[in-house]
Amino acid sequence: QVRLVESGGGSVQAGGSLRLTCAPSERTFSVSRRAMGWFRQAPGKDREFVAVISWNGGSTDYAESVKGRFTISRDNAKETVYLQMNSLKPEDTAVYYCVASRVYGSRRYDYDGYDYWGQGTQVTVSS
């Protein structure tokens, strides 16, 4: 079964940066025509929306808590989506999940509104 694969997580001090990458697990599966997004889940908390980008990169949306610090982008030629995370804070510590959907619509804030999901990558920010 096709899934998404995240990479780039790790441990960093507050104020530091990380870049997450997401790509399909199989080369035969294309995400270039799909909206792509990121969610995160911290220990003991619900999974929450982080960012989403339309298939052509023309539209993006962010959670208020990451606006101005995180940037979502994509390279359709490489079938890859990125999440650049700057000025990281301890409260950004979470497992980050990549998601994909056929549409960029009203359900973009809903994890279950997507069609494909990754296994997650851990991001830990220390103070």
Foldseek 3Di string as FASTA:
>chain_A
DKAKAKDFADEEAAQAKIKMKIAIPDPVDAQLQWKKFKWWDDPPGDIWGAKIAGSVRPDMDGDPVQPPFWDWDDDRVVSMIMIIGGRDDQVVWTWMKMFIANDDDDCNGPPVRTDHIYPTDTHGYHD
